[in-house]
Structures are given as C-alpha cells and as structure tokens.
Amino acid sequence: MDKCDVAIIGAGHNGLVCAAYLAAAGLDVRVYERREIVGGAAVTEEFAPGFRNSTASYTVSLLAPQVIADLDLHRHGLRIVERRVQNFMPLPDGRHLIASPGRTRDSVAQFSVKDAEAFDAFSAELERVADALRKEILRAPPNLVEGPLKRVGAEVLRALGFGARLHALNHADRIALFELFTKSAGDLLDSWFESDPIKALFGFDAIVGNYASPNTPGSAYVLLHHAFGEVNGRKGLWGHAIGGMGAITQAMASSARERGAKISCNASVREIIIEKGRAAGIILENGEHVRANMVASNLNPHLLFTRLVEQDALPPDFLRRMKSWKSGSGTFRMNVALSRLPDFSALPGAGDHLTSGIIIAPSLAYMERAYLDAKTLGWSRTPVVEMLIPSILDDSLAPAGQHVASLFCQHVAPSLPGDASWDDHRDEVADLMIATIDSHAPGFAASVIARQINTPLDLERTFGLTGGDIFHGALTMDQLFSARPALGYADYRAPVPGLYMCGSGAHPGGGVTGAPGANAARAILSDKRARR
C-alpha cells in the first residue's frame, strides 16, 4: 500500500500546478492520471501520420504569469508566441474585419465611424475592469461560512479587502463591472455599437465554450472572463505555445517532477477513502489503495461528488447542488490536416490574418440562431466556427508545406434530442463545419487530408469533461466567485475534511489559467500548518 502526504486526482494542468507548489513546499505528492499522458484537456497528440495538434484546448492567453514564473515554466521548455493578428472575421458580403493592436479601429471604421470612435473607450473600460478582477484570480473569494467567530471573522475581513479593492475603481467602472456581471452580451454591446461586425467580434467571446445565446443574461461575464489574459506581458492578447498546448502541461509536469512530485499515468481513481469523516486516500480502478493525509481533485465537481465520494459523507444541500451542477459547453472540437493553406474570398492569399483566430459568426443574430438550432435540433445548421492554423507559427506540427488547423465549433447540444447519439451524427456535423469554412474559403474542403472529431460525448469520454464542458461547469452568476462550486465551499475545501478541489470547477473557473491549482495548494499548505 502506497502512502503520501497528498494524492492528486487528475494530471490536468491545474492538478500539475497544485502538485508543483506542494512538492516545492516539501510535501510527498502523488498525481494519478486516468489517461496514458499527462495534461488533461491541454495535450498535443498526433492525429494523422506526421500531423500533431492541440487535441482539446487550443490557444493560450489566460495562463497566470505568476504561475509561469513560480513554476519556472520557460526553463522547462515553454515558449509562447503571439498571433501576428488577433482575429480575422470574413463576412458574407465579401468584406472583412481585422482585430489587432493598432489596426482594429480602422477596420471597424469601414462599417461605422461612430463605432470606430467608441471602440477605444469600450476597450479601455473593459481592460480597466478586467485588470481589477485579474488581481483576484490568484486569491480565494470571500467564503460564506458558518462556525466559530474566528473563521467567520476571517472571511468578513477577506470580503472587506475585496470590497476595498473594487472601491478603487471609479464610479463609471463600478457600473461597468455590475453590467458585465448581470447583462447579456447583446444588451451590453448594443449600448455601445451600431454595426454587426464589431458586436460579433466581442460577442463571440461571450458564447465561446458557453452553451448560451449572446442575449442570455450574464453572458457578458463570459466576454469579460476571456479578457483576463495576456501573452508575454502584453495584456488582452492571445498566442500559441510552441509544440501545442501539451507543451504547457509537459513543462508543468517537468517542474513538478523536479520538485519531487511523482506522476502515474494509466491510473484511474475509483473511490476516495473516507475514514472517521475525513478523506484518507484513494482507491484505484485496479484495486490499489493509496493512503494520503489529504486528497485534491482536478475533476468536474459533479463527477467528483456524485461518483467518487460516498453520498452519506456530504451535506444534503451540497449534494443536491452537485447533482444539479450545470455543465455543457455546446462545443464540437475538430482538428484537420491540410494539404495547403485556406484562401479566403474576403481577403485572398496568404498573410498574417491566417495566424489569427478566424471567426465565422458575422452577427449576434447569427449566433442566436445557432444557439436556437442546437436547442431544438441538436446542432446549429449555420454554425459558429473559430479556426486557428498554428502550424504557420509552429512548423513542428505538420510536414513541410502542409498544415494543421484547430476548429472550435458552436453550437451543438451536449445531449441530442430524443434517443439520438452523437456517435451516429459526428461525421454529418463534421462535414457541416468544414462546409461552413469552405463557403468563405472555396477549396478548403478539398484540402482536408485527415480529421479528428471530438463531439461533446467524445470530450466527456476522453477528458472527463461532463457534457463536453470545457469550463468544468457553466460560468453563470450562480456558479461563479463565492458560489463556485457552492456557497460556503469557495475556498477550495470540500465538505469532507482533507478533500480539496483544485480544478476549473473552483474559482476562477475555466480556461488554462493554473489559478485553481495554485489557490488550492495554498489552502492545503495553510491547513497543514494549522494542523501542526
């Protein structure tokens, strides 16, 4: 029987970050991963002979700079490059929108001079609000707890500190913060802009990975969530990790191992051992028992608390919430191998626009129809597609002269209506996604050599993403901040003493941030000191 200080379930990026911090503090840390490779949804794999790409997560920006520095990830091989253009949006009328520092305003002006003038003010306001909240990513949110006055008092002080930091915003920015948390993206953008393309550019960030319409109240927050990031010190930008997203988690694993953590693959966890009301270790699928003083989980909270923890060990109210935890991204994820680069009718030829996130979603109304189609029919008949071609920036991913592309497609239903199975419709929907790009870049379909398809069901089976949810739970007001995953448990501590949550189902939520893993490690170390 193995023994350790901390057993971590799942070698996704947050599990690896948690392991690295804990091992650096001198703890005996073991990480157990169900798949044959580390990285969770942030992995790079060969999907056709000679063609490699990020399998699930596909672009980098939200990874916390403090985590990069603390884990010394650059020394462990991480290299991130910026996109030469941030976004390119081909439009049905033959025009296009370019979004990139120094170019976006002029591109918007072709559709509306008024919107071009409003763009700088909106972007500045969004950045100020994002900057204020960015500082909260590596802090536990105020936790609404009951119990001894000392514990309650500590949380009151935490809440007062958070309030004081927000008070530093001017009055207008406080109003903006409130609107970003409560309004729909559509209502917010309609109050700023008049032309469809600029509203669609920002609106895409409100629905990407979010199974919702841009007119759903609270969707503006998802837009804000995607504004937290930075690349190489430049805020608000997106980039590519050389070697794909797996390069991030390989660097994290290297850092964790160097500090003494041990990582086991092909080691699926069946159950968390609970003795005398406290987590005391794990049982693997092969029957092996691992004794541990503490256990941390990188899993979706629904999966953790409904499958791995004894139901009797959980408070009834908490268990009821976990059973109804909202998951489901509406995401259909593809990788394609290409014989040549696409040629867009709206901007012919090769160019820096092909290094961008290429967004096919010309208006908020288009996104609304895509969502309604998915809700009623199972998938959007005119889907939202973002395509990245990382091999332009990274020639290690494809043979010379050929390329790989990531297709991040919205909207599809996490579960199809009736008794339909995604296994029966995956190729039909994949054909539709490719045809959607082909309608803007004729010949694209003919250039596809091979493809890798991940429906919501595939994402759940392969990566444990319940309902295909890339965020480990919807980013809605009732599942954010002090309510993530539940009021009273936002401090990374589960209702079972000794059990911790270090994945994206905890604050600050989804994306490749590393923040939940770092924050959970801090909670574990604090409790270890207190127990001494």
Protein backbone atom coordinates (compact mmCIF):
# COMPACT_ATOMS: atom_id res chain seq x y z
CA MET A 1 0.00 0.00 0.00
CA ASP A 2 1.40 3.37 -1.07
CA LYS A 3 1.47 6.34 1.33
CA CYS A 4 1.92 10.06 0.73
CA ASP A 5 1.07 13.49 2.08
CA VAL A 6 -1.21 14.48 -0.79
CA ALA A 7 -2.82 12.37 -3.53
CA ILE A 8 -4.00 14.43 -6.51
CA ILE A 9 -6.68 13.04 -8.82
CA GLY A 10 -6.03 14.06 -12.42
CA ALA A 11 -2.89 15.34 -14.15
CA GLY A 12 -4.66 18.14 -15.98
CA HIS A 13 -2.90 21.47 -15.90
CA ASN A 14 -4.40 22.52 -12.55
CA GLY A 15 -3.52 19.20 -10.93
CA LEU A 16 0.06 19.59 -12.12
CA VAL A 17 0.26 23.18 -10.86
CA CYS A 18 -1.08 22.13 -7.47
CA ALA A 19 1.45 19.28 -7.34
CA ALA A 20 4.36 21.57 -8.20
CA TYR A 21 3.55 24.08 -5.47
CA LEU A 22 3.01 21.39 -2.84
CA ALA A 23 6.16 19.48 -3.77
CA ALA A 24 8.15 22.71 -3.61
CA ALA A 25 6.93 23.08 -0.02
CA GLY A 26 8.44 19.68 0.82
CA LEU A 27 5.30 17.52 0.73
CA ASP A 28 5.27 13.99 -0.63
CA VAL A 29 2.88 14.42 -3.59
CA ARG A 30 1.49 11.73 -5.91
CA VAL A 31 -0.60 12.52 -9.01
CA TYR A 32 -2.84 9.87 -10.58
CA GLU A 33 -3.96 10.30 -14.20
CA ARG A 34 -6.56 8.14 -15.97
CA ARG A 35 -5.10 8.63 -19.47
CA GLU A 36 -1.77 7.45 -20.81
CA ILE A 37 -0.39 11.02 -20.96
CA VAL A 38 -0.43 14.00 -18.62
CA GLY A 39 -2.16 17.25 -19.44
CA GLY A 40 -5.88 16.59 -19.25
CA ALA A 41 -7.52 18.67 -21.98
CA ALA A 42 -4.27 20.60 -22.59
CA VAL A 43 -2.40 18.00 -24.64
CA THR A 44 -0.71 17.74 -28.03
CA GLU A 45 -1.21 14.48 -29.92
CA GLU A 46 -0.60 13.09 -33.39
CA PHE A 47 -4.00 12.64 -35.04
CA ALA A 48 -2.74 11.65 -38.52
CA PRO A 49 0.71 10.48 -39.68
CA GLY A 50 3.02 13.50 -39.42
CA PHE A 51 0.32 15.86 -38.14
CA ARG A 52 0.21 16.93 -34.48
CA ASN A 53 -2.03 19.45 -32.81
CA SER A 54 -3.59 20.51 -29.53
CA THR A 55 -6.40 17.99 -29.11
CA ALA A 56 -8.88 19.92 -26.97
CA SER A 57 -7.80 23.31 -25.58
CA TYR A 58 -6.10 25.09 -28.44
CA THR A 59 -4.83 28.60 -27.65
CA VAL A 60 -3.10 30.36 -24.77
CA SER A 61 -3.68 33.67 -23.01
CA LEU A 62 -5.28 33.05 -19.62
CA LEU A 63 -2.30 31.20 -18.08
CA ALA A 64 -1.40 33.23 -14.99
CA PRO A 65 2.01 34.94 -15.32
CA GLN A 66 2.67 34.29 -11.62
CA VAL A 67 2.23 30.55 -12.21
CA ILE A 68 4.59 30.69 -15.20
CA ALA A 69 7.20 32.43 -13.03
CA ASP A 70 6.74 30.35 -9.87
CA LEU A 71 7.00 27.05 -11.75
CA ASP A 72 9.83 28.40 -13.94
CA LEU A 73 8.00 27.06 -16.98
CA HIS A 74 10.20 28.80 -19.53
CA ARG A 75 13.23 26.96 -18.16
CA HIS A 76 11.24 23.75 -18.51
CA GLY A 77 10.73 24.38 -22.23
CA LEU A 78 7.66 26.60 -22.51
CA ARG A 79 7.75 29.15 -25.29
CA ILE A 80 4.71 31.23 -26.23
CA VAL A 81 4.46 33.38 -29.37
CA GLU A 82 1.84 35.99 -30.16
CA ARG A 83 -0.55 35.76 -33.05
CA ARG A 84 0.51 38.29 -35.69
CA VAL A 85 -3.14 39.28 -35.98
CA GLN A 86 -5.55 38.63 -33.13
CA ASN A 87 -8.76 37.96 -35.07
CA PHE A 88 -9.97 37.88 -38.68
CA MET A 89 -13.67 37.80 -39.47
CA PRO A 90 -14.70 37.14 -43.11
CA LEU A 91 -18.19 38.45 -43.83
CA PRO A 92 -20.91 37.24 -46.22
CA ASP A 93 -20.84 40.49 -48.25
CA GLY A 94 -17.17 39.99 -49.14
CA ARG A 95 -15.79 42.43 -46.61
CA HIS A 96 -13.81 41.50 -43.52
CA LEU A 97 -12.89 42.75 -40.05
CA ILE A 98 -9.34 42.66 -38.69
CA ALA A 99 -8.72 42.88 -34.95
CA SER A 100 -5.17 43.56 -33.87
CA PRO A 101 -3.43 46.28 -31.85
CA GLY A 102 -3.23 49.42 -33.96
CA ARG A 103 -5.47 48.03 -36.71
CA THR A 104 -8.88 47.30 -35.19
CA ARG A 105 -10.19 50.87 -35.12
CA ASP A 106 -9.50 51.49 -38.82
CA SER A 107 -11.05 48.14 -39.71
CA VAL A 108 -14.20 48.98 -37.72
CA ALA A 109 -14.45 52.39 -39.39
CA GLN A 110 -15.36 50.82 -42.74
CA PHE A 111 -18.63 49.70 -41.12
CA SER A 112 -19.27 52.63 -38.79
CA VAL A 113 -17.25 55.74 -37.97
CA LYS A 114 -19.27 56.04 -34.77
CA ASP A 115 -18.28 52.51 -33.73
CA ALA A 116 -14.64 53.20 -34.52
CA GLU A 117 -14.77 56.18 -32.17
CA ALA A 118 -16.49 54.10 -29.47
CA PHE A 119 -14.06 51.19 -29.80
CA ASP A 120 -11.21 52.76 -27.84
CA ALA A 121 -13.48 53.81 -24.98
CA PHE A 122 -15.14 50.38 -24.73
CA SER A 123 -11.82 48.55 -24.91
CA ALA A 124 -10.30 50.79 -22.24
CA GLU A 125 -13.27 50.28 -19.92
CA LEU A 126 -13.17 46.52 -20.44
CA GLU A 127 -9.45 46.48 -19.74
CA ARG A 128 -9.81 48.51 -16.52
CA VAL A 129 -12.48 46.15 -15.19
CA ALA A 130 -10.52 43.09 -16.32
CA ASP A 131 -7.39 44.48 -14.68
CA ALA A 132 -9.21 44.90 -11.36
CA LEU A 133 -10.53 41.33 -11.46
CA ARG A 134 -7.30 39.90 -12.83
CA LYS A 135 -5.80 40.56 -9.41
CA GLU A 136 -8.48 38.34 -7.84
CA ILE A 137 -7.63 35.27 -9.91
CA LEU A 138 -4.92 34.10 -7.53
CA ARG A 139 -6.96 34.87 -4.41
CA ALA A 140 -9.69 32.75 -2.86
CA PRO A 141 -13.00 34.63 -3.00
CA PRO A 142 -14.84 35.58 0.21
CA ASN A 143 -16.37 32.39 1.56
CA LEU A 144 -19.85 32.49 3.13
CA VAL A 145 -19.35 30.19 6.08
CA GLU A 146 -20.84 29.35 9.43
CA GLY A 147 -18.96 28.28 12.52
CA PRO A 148 -16.52 29.75 15.05
CA LEU A 149 -16.24 33.53 15.19
CA LYS A 150 -12.57 33.30 14.22
CA ARG A 151 -13.40 31.57 10.94
CA VAL A 152 -16.35 33.83 10.13
CA GLY A 153 -14.33 36.89 11.04
CA ALA A 154 -11.52 35.90 8.68
CA GLU A 155 -13.98 35.68 5.80
CA VAL A 156 -15.50 39.04 6.73
CA LEU A 157 -12.04 40.57 6.51
CA ARG A 158 -11.50 38.87 3.16
CA ALA A 159 -14.78 40.34 1.89
CA LEU A 160 -13.83 43.78 3.17
CA GLY A 161 -10.49 43.54 1.39
CA PHE A 162 -12.19 42.57 -1.86
CA GLY A 163 -14.64 45.44 -1.48
CA ALA A 164 -11.82 47.90 -0.82
CA ARG A 165 -10.02 46.78 -3.98
CA LEU A 166 -13.16 47.22 -6.08
CA HIS A 167 -13.75 50.60 -4.44
CA ALA A 168 -10.54 51.73 -6.13
CA LEU A 169 -12.48 51.65 -9.42
CA ASN A 170 -14.10 54.92 -10.35
CA HIS A 171 -17.89 55.14 -10.29
CA ALA A 172 -18.27 54.58 -14.04
CA ASP A 173 -16.13 51.45 -13.92
CA ARG A 174 -18.12 50.08 -10.98
CA ILE A 175 -21.26 50.46 -13.10
CA ALA A 176 -19.46 48.70 -15.96
CA LEU A 177 -18.46 45.87 -13.63
CA PHE A 178 -22.06 45.42 -12.48
CA GLU A 179 -23.31 45.39 -16.08
CA LEU A 180 -20.68 42.89 -17.17
CA PHE A 181 -21.78 40.50 -14.44
CA THR A 182 -25.52 40.86 -15.00
CA LYS A 183 -26.28 41.89 -18.58
CA SER A 184 -26.41 39.85 -21.72
CA ALA A 185 -23.57 40.45 -24.15
CA GLY A 186 -26.17 41.58 -26.69
CA ASP A 187 -27.60 44.27 -24.43
CA LEU A 188 -24.14 45.46 -23.43
CA LEU A 189 -22.82 45.64 -26.99
CA ASP A 190 -25.98 47.23 -28.34
CA SER A 191 -25.47 50.07 -25.87
CA TRP A 192 -22.02 50.77 -27.32
CA PHE A 193 -22.09 49.90 -31.02
CA GLU A 194 -24.38 50.01 -34.04
CA SER A 195 -22.69 47.77 -36.64
CA ASP A 196 -22.92 43.99 -36.66
CA PRO A 197 -19.25 43.05 -37.20
CA ILE A 198 -17.82 44.78 -34.13
CA LYS A 199 -20.66 43.45 -31.97
CA ALA A 200 -20.00 39.97 -33.35
CA LEU A 201 -16.26 40.26 -32.63
CA PHE A 202 -16.86 40.87 -28.92
CA GLY A 203 -20.00 38.71 -28.83
CA PHE A 204 -18.04 35.65 -29.91
CA ASP A 205 -16.09 35.79 -26.64
CA ALA A 206 -19.42 35.67 -24.78
CA ILE A 207 -20.56 32.41 -26.36
CA VAL A 208 -17.33 30.52 -26.98
CA GLY A 209 -17.48 27.40 -24.83
CA ASN A 210 -20.69 28.79 -23.35
CA TYR A 211 -23.90 26.97 -24.32
CA ALA A 212 -25.96 30.14 -24.46
CA SER A 213 -27.23 32.87 -26.74
CA PRO A 214 -25.42 36.23 -26.72
CA ASN A 215 -28.78 37.53 -25.49
CA THR A 216 -28.72 35.33 -22.37
CA PRO A 217 -28.44 37.45 -19.19
CA GLY A 218 -24.99 37.02 -17.68
CA SER A 219 -23.30 36.17 -20.99
CA ALA A 220 -21.43 39.49 -20.82
CA TYR A 221 -19.40 38.00 -17.95
CA VAL A 222 -18.05 35.24 -20.23
CA LEU A 223 -16.87 38.03 -22.56
CA LEU A 224 -15.09 39.60 -19.57
CA HIS A 225 -13.63 36.23 -18.50
CA HIS A 226 -11.87 35.96 -21.85
CA ALA A 227 -10.40 39.46 -21.39
CA PHE A 228 -8.30 38.46 -18.34
CA GLY A 229 -5.41 37.06 -20.34
CA GLU A 230 -2.06 38.21 -21.59
CA VAL A 231 0.84 36.90 -23.66
CA ASN A 232 4.45 37.62 -22.72
CA GLY A 233 3.38 40.59 -20.60
CA ARG A 234 1.04 42.12 -23.18
CA LYS A 235 -2.50 42.21 -21.80
CA GLY A 236 -5.55 41.14 -23.76
CA LEU A 237 -3.63 39.18 -26.40
CA TRP A 238 -3.76 35.52 -27.44
CA GLY A 239 -0.91 33.33 -28.53
CA HIS A 240 0.39 29.86 -29.34
CA ALA A 241 2.57 27.58 -27.24
CA ILE A 242 5.29 26.15 -29.47
CA GLY A 243 4.60 22.42 -29.57
CA GLY A 244 0.91 22.97 -28.87
CA MET A 245 -0.98 23.14 -25.59
CA GLY A 246 0.74 19.95 -24.49
CA ALA A 247 3.95 21.94 -24.23
CA ILE A 248 2.39 23.85 -21.32
CA THR A 249 1.49 20.75 -19.36
CA GLN A 250 4.74 18.97 -20.21
CA ALA A 251 6.60 21.95 -18.74
CA MET A 252 4.34 21.84 -15.67
CA ALA A 253 4.94 18.11 -15.23
CA SER A 254 8.69 18.62 -15.58
CA SER A 255 8.60 21.35 -12.93
CA ALA A 256 6.52 19.19 -10.57
CA ARG A 257 8.81 16.18 -11.01
CA GLU A 258 11.92 18.27 -10.48
CA ARG A 259 10.46 19.35 -7.13
CA GLY A 260 9.80 15.75 -6.15
CA ALA A 261 6.21 15.03 -7.21
CA LYS A 262 5.51 11.58 -8.62
CA ILE A 263 3.07 11.26 -11.52
CA SER A 264 1.40 8.00 -12.54
CA CYS A 265 -0.49 7.58 -15.84
CA ASN A 266 -3.00 4.84 -16.69
CA ALA A 267 -4.06 5.17 -13.05
CA SER A 268 -7.80 5.80 -12.90
CA VAL A 269 -9.27 6.57 -9.47
CA ARG A 270 -12.38 4.64 -8.47
CA GLU A 271 -13.10 5.99 -5.00
CA ILE A 272 -11.95 8.40 -2.31
CA ILE A 273 -11.33 6.70 1.03
CA ILE A 274 -13.18 8.38 3.88
CA GLU A 275 -12.46 7.34 7.44
CA LYS A 276 -13.94 8.95 10.56
CA GLY A 277 -15.44 11.66 8.38
CA ARG A 278 -12.14 12.62 6.74
CA ALA A 279 -10.51 11.93 3.36
CA ALA A 280 -7.79 9.36 3.98
CA GLY A 281 -6.67 8.35 0.49
CA ILE A 282 -7.88 6.89 -2.81
CA ILE A 283 -8.63 3.53 -4.39
CA LEU A 284 -7.55 2.99 -7.99
CA GLU A 285 -9.56 1.06 -10.56
CA ASN A 286 -7.10 -1.81 -10.26
CA GLY A 287 -7.92 -2.08 -6.56
CA GLU A 288 -4.71 -0.49 -5.30
CA HIS A 289 -5.11 1.61 -2.14
CA VAL A 290 -3.14 4.82 -1.66
CA ARG A 291 -3.14 6.29 1.83
CA ALA A 292 -2.88 10.08 1.95
CA ASN A 293 -3.20 12.75 4.60
CA MET A 294 -5.02 14.92 2.07
CA VAL A 295 -6.65 14.42 -1.34
CA ALA A 296 -7.05 17.05 -4.08
CA SER A 297 -9.30 16.60 -7.12
CA ASN A 298 -8.87 18.15 -10.55
CA LEU A 299 -12.26 16.78 -11.71
CA ASN A 300 -15.54 18.46 -12.58
CA PRO A 301 -17.34 18.88 -9.21
CA HIS A 302 -20.35 16.91 -10.45
CA LEU A 303 -18.12 13.98 -11.34
CA LEU A 304 -16.17 14.19 -8.09
CA PHE A 305 -19.08 14.35 -5.69
CA THR A 306 -21.52 12.02 -7.43
CA ARG A 307 -19.09 9.24 -8.37
CA LEU A 308 -16.02 9.23 -6.14
CA VAL A 309 -17.33 10.35 -2.75
CA GLU A 310 -19.73 8.42 -0.53
CA GLN A 311 -23.07 10.21 -0.71
CA ASP A 312 -23.61 9.90 3.05
CA ALA A 313 -20.42 11.87 3.69
CA LEU A 314 -21.84 15.02 2.07
CA PRO A 315 -24.34 17.55 3.45
CA PRO A 316 -27.71 17.02 1.70
CA ASP A 317 -27.91 20.61 0.40
CA PHE A 318 -24.41 20.41 -1.05
CA LEU A 319 -25.05 17.03 -2.67
CA ARG A 320 -28.26 18.30 -4.23
CA ARG A 321 -26.36 21.23 -5.78
CA MET A 322 -23.64 18.96 -7.13
CA LYS A 323 -26.22 16.67 -8.72
CA SER A 324 -27.71 19.69 -10.50
CA TRP A 325 -24.36 21.36 -11.27
CA LYS A 326 -24.74 22.94 -14.72
CA SER A 327 -22.29 21.61 -17.29
CA GLY A 328 -22.34 21.63 -21.08
CA SER A 329 -20.36 23.87 -23.42
CA GLY A 330 -22.13 23.29 -26.71
CA THR A 331 -18.72 22.64 -28.25
CA PHE A 332 -17.78 20.49 -31.24
CA ARG A 333 -13.98 20.31 -31.46
CA MET A 334 -12.08 19.25 -34.58
CA ASN A 335 -8.52 19.09 -35.85
CA VAL A 336 -7.84 18.87 -39.56
CA ALA A 337 -4.72 18.13 -41.58
CA LEU A 338 -4.44 20.38 -44.64
CA SER A 339 -2.56 19.98 -47.90
CA ARG A 340 -2.42 23.78 -48.27
CA LEU A 341 -3.46 26.98 -46.57
CA PRO A 342 -7.04 28.22 -47.00
CA ASP A 343 -7.70 31.12 -49.35
CA PHE A 344 -10.50 33.39 -48.10
CA SER A 345 -12.62 35.24 -50.64
CA ALA A 346 -12.84 38.24 -48.30
CA LEU A 347 -9.03 38.54 -48.10
CA PRO A 348 -7.32 36.35 -50.74
CA GLY A 349 -3.84 34.94 -50.41
CA ALA A 350 -1.54 34.16 -47.52
CA GLY A 351 -0.93 36.76 -44.86
CA ASP A 352 -0.80 37.48 -41.16
CA HIS A 353 -4.58 37.18 -40.94
CA LEU A 354 -4.10 33.41 -41.21
CA THR A 355 -2.20 33.41 -37.89
CA SER A 356 -5.29 34.75 -36.12
CA GLY A 357 -8.43 33.33 -34.65
CA ILE A 358 -10.56 33.20 -37.79
CA ILE A 359 -14.17 33.70 -36.72
CA ILE A 360 -17.18 32.75 -38.82
CA ALA A 361 -20.04 34.45 -36.97
CA PRO A 362 -20.99 37.71 -38.70
CA SER A 363 -23.60 38.97 -36.24
CA LEU A 364 -25.20 38.45 -32.86
CA ALA A 365 -28.36 37.35 -34.67
CA TYR A 366 -26.33 34.63 -36.41
CA MET A 367 -25.10 33.41 -33.01
CA GLU A 368 -28.65 33.49 -31.64
CA ARG A 369 -29.88 31.28 -34.49
CA ALA A 370 -27.01 28.87 -33.94
CA TYR A 371 -27.99 28.51 -30.30
CA LEU A 372 -31.71 28.07 -31.01
CA ASP A 373 -30.94 25.45 -33.67
CA ALA A 374 -28.84 23.49 -31.20
CA LYS A 375 -31.52 23.69 -28.51
CA THR A 376 -34.27 22.44 -30.82
CA LEU A 377 -32.50 20.35 -33.47
CA GLY A 378 -29.30 19.20 -31.75
CA TRP A 379 -26.81 21.31 -33.68
CA SER A 380 -26.70 24.65 -35.48
CA ARG A 381 -27.42 24.48 -39.20
CA THR A 382 -25.34 27.65 -39.71
CA PRO A 383 -22.71 27.10 -37.03
CA VAL A 384 -20.28 29.45 -35.36
CA VAL A 385 -16.72 28.35 -36.16
CA GLU A 386 -13.37 29.64 -34.98
CA MET A 387 -10.36 28.30 -36.88
CA LEU A 388 -6.71 28.61 -35.93
CA ILE A 389 -3.82 27.42 -38.09
CA PRO A 390 -0.99 27.07 -35.54
CA SER A 391 1.41 25.41 -37.98
CA ILE A 392 2.02 28.83 -39.56
CA LEU A 393 3.66 29.88 -36.29
CA ASP A 394 4.98 26.42 -35.36
CA ASP A 395 6.46 24.23 -38.11
CA SER A 396 6.89 21.30 -35.71
CA LEU A 397 3.20 20.41 -36.07
CA ALA A 398 3.00 19.38 -39.75
CA PRO A 399 5.15 18.23 -42.67
CA ALA A 400 6.79 20.96 -44.75
CA GLY A 401 4.29 22.73 -46.99
CA GLN A 402 1.30 21.27 -45.14
CA HIS A 403 -0.64 22.49 -42.14
CA VAL A 404 -2.91 21.68 -39.21
CA ALA A 405 -5.96 23.66 -38.18
CA SER A 406 -8.00 23.72 -34.98
CA LEU A 407 -11.75 24.12 -35.43
CA PHE A 408 -13.67 25.24 -32.35
CA CYS A 409 -17.30 24.99 -33.34
CA GLN A 410 -20.50 26.24 -31.66
CA HIS A 411 -23.32 25.40 -31.05
CA VAL A 412 -24.17 21.77 -30.52
CA ALA A 413 -26.31 20.22 -27.82
CA PRO A 414 -24.37 18.34 -25.13
CA SER A 415 -27.01 15.60 -25.48
CA LEU A 416 -29.01 15.19 -28.67
CA PRO A 417 -32.82 15.25 -28.62
CA GLY A 418 -34.71 12.01 -28.24
CA ASP A 419 -32.66 8.84 -28.31
CA ALA A 420 -30.11 10.14 -30.84
CA SER A 421 -26.43 9.52 -30.13
CA TRP A 422 -23.51 11.72 -31.09
CA ASP A 423 -21.77 8.58 -32.32
CA ASP A 424 -24.34 8.40 -35.14
CA HIS A 425 -24.05 12.06 -36.21
CA ARG A 426 -20.43 13.02 -35.65
CA ASP A 427 -19.39 12.76 -39.33
CA GLU A 428 -22.50 14.54 -40.57
CA VAL A 429 -21.83 17.51 -38.28
CA ALA A 430 -18.10 17.47 -39.07
CA ASP A 431 -18.97 17.75 -42.77
CA LEU A 432 -21.14 20.76 -41.96
CA MET A 433 -18.35 22.51 -40.05
CA ILE A 434 -15.91 22.02 -42.92
CA ALA A 435 -18.53 23.16 -45.46
CA THR A 436 -19.09 26.32 -43.40
CA ILE A 437 -15.42 27.26 -43.76
CA ASP A 438 -15.44 26.23 -47.42
CA SER A 439 -18.24 28.72 -48.10
CA HIS A 440 -15.80 31.50 -47.13
CA ALA A 441 -12.62 29.86 -48.40
CA PRO A 442 -13.51 27.83 -51.54
CA GLY A 443 -11.37 24.73 -51.86
CA PHE A 444 -10.90 24.31 -48.12
CA ALA A 445 -12.87 21.05 -48.02
CA ALA A 446 -10.74 19.61 -50.82
CA SER A 447 -7.57 20.48 -48.89
CA VAL A 448 -8.54 18.37 -45.86
CA ILE A 449 -6.31 15.29 -45.74
CA ALA A 450 -7.46 13.93 -42.38
CA ARG A 451 -9.61 15.00 -39.48
CA GLN A 452 -10.03 14.32 -35.79
CA ILE A 453 -13.53 14.77 -34.37
CA ASN A 454 -14.49 15.38 -30.75
CA THR A 455 -18.22 15.68 -30.11
CA PRO A 456 -19.42 16.64 -26.61
CA LEU A 457 -19.71 12.92 -25.91
CA ASP A 458 -16.11 12.33 -27.06
CA LEU A 459 -14.88 15.20 -24.88
CA GLU A 460 -16.62 13.64 -21.90
CA ARG A 461 -15.37 10.10 -22.56
CA THR A 462 -11.79 11.11 -23.34
CA PHE A 463 -11.14 14.02 -20.99
CA GLY A 464 -13.84 13.71 -18.33
CA LEU A 465 -15.43 16.99 -19.48
CA THR A 466 -19.01 16.41 -18.30
CA GLY A 467 -21.39 17.33 -21.11
CA GLY A 468 -18.33 18.39 -23.10
CA ASP A 469 -17.99 21.36 -20.74
CA ILE A 470 -14.55 22.92 -21.21
CA PHE A 471 -15.03 25.07 -18.09
CA HIS A 472 -15.93 22.21 -15.66
CA GLY A 473 -19.22 24.00 -15.06
CA ALA A 474 -21.11 26.88 -16.66
CA LEU A 475 -19.79 30.38 -15.94
CA THR A 476 -23.15 31.70 -14.78
CA MET A 477 -23.79 34.01 -11.84
CA ASP A 478 -24.99 31.14 -9.66
CA GLN A 479 -21.75 29.22 -10.33
CA LEU A 480 -19.14 31.98 -10.02
CA PHE A 481 -16.87 33.51 -7.40
CA SER A 482 -18.17 32.75 -3.87
CA ALA A 483 -20.72 30.34 -5.36
CA ARG A 484 -18.17 28.20 -7.22
CA PRO A 485 -18.84 25.39 -6.64
CA ALA A 486 -21.20 26.30 -3.77
CA LEU A 487 -21.69 28.97 -1.13
CA GLY A 488 -19.58 28.06 1.87
CA TYR A 489 -17.12 25.99 -0.19
CA ALA A 490 -15.42 28.56 -2.40
CA ASP A 491 -12.11 28.24 -0.54
CA TYR A 492 -11.11 25.01 -2.37
CA ARG A 493 -12.07 22.91 0.68
CA ALA A 494 -14.76 20.25 0.19
CA PRO A 495 -17.37 19.45 2.85
CA VAL A 496 -15.26 16.39 3.70
CA PRO A 497 -12.20 17.48 5.73
CA GLY A 498 -8.97 16.65 3.97
CA LEU A 499 -10.56 16.80 0.50
CA TYR A 500 -9.78 19.75 -1.78
CA MET A 501 -10.88 20.98 -5.21
CA CYS A 502 -8.04 22.15 -7.45
CA GLY A 503 -9.73 22.11 -10.88
CA SER A 504 -11.65 24.57 -13.04
CA GLY A 505 -14.85 23.84 -11.13
CA ALA A 506 -13.38 26.09 -8.43
CA HIS A 507 -12.67 29.84 -8.63
CA PRO A 508 -11.86 31.49 -11.03
CA GLY A 509 -13.31 28.90 -13.40
CA GLY A 510 -12.37 27.54 -16.78
CA GLY A 511 -9.57 28.18 -19.22
CA VAL A 512 -5.92 27.17 -18.98
CA THR A 513 -5.11 29.50 -16.07
CA GLY A 514 -3.40 27.37 -13.44
CA ALA A 515 -5.09 29.56 -10.83
CA PRO A 516 -7.35 26.95 -9.17
CA GLY A 517 -4.37 24.63 -8.78
CA ALA A 518 -2.23 27.36 -7.22
CA ASN A 519 -5.01 28.55 -4.91
CA ALA A 520 -5.87 25.03 -3.78
CA ALA A 521 -2.21 24.38 -2.97
CA ARG A 522 -2.22 27.49 -0.81
CA ALA A 523 -5.30 26.23 1.08
CA ILE A 524 -3.70 22.80 1.60
CA LEU A 525 -0.47 24.29 2.95
CA SER A 526 -2.41 26.61 5.25
CA ASP A 527 -4.36 23.68 6.69
CA LYS A 528 -1.20 21.63 7.11
CA ARG A 529 0.37 24.44 9.12
CA ALA A 530 -2.81 24.76 11.21
CA ARG A 531 -2.88 21.02 11.97
CA ARG A 532 0.70 21.21 13.21
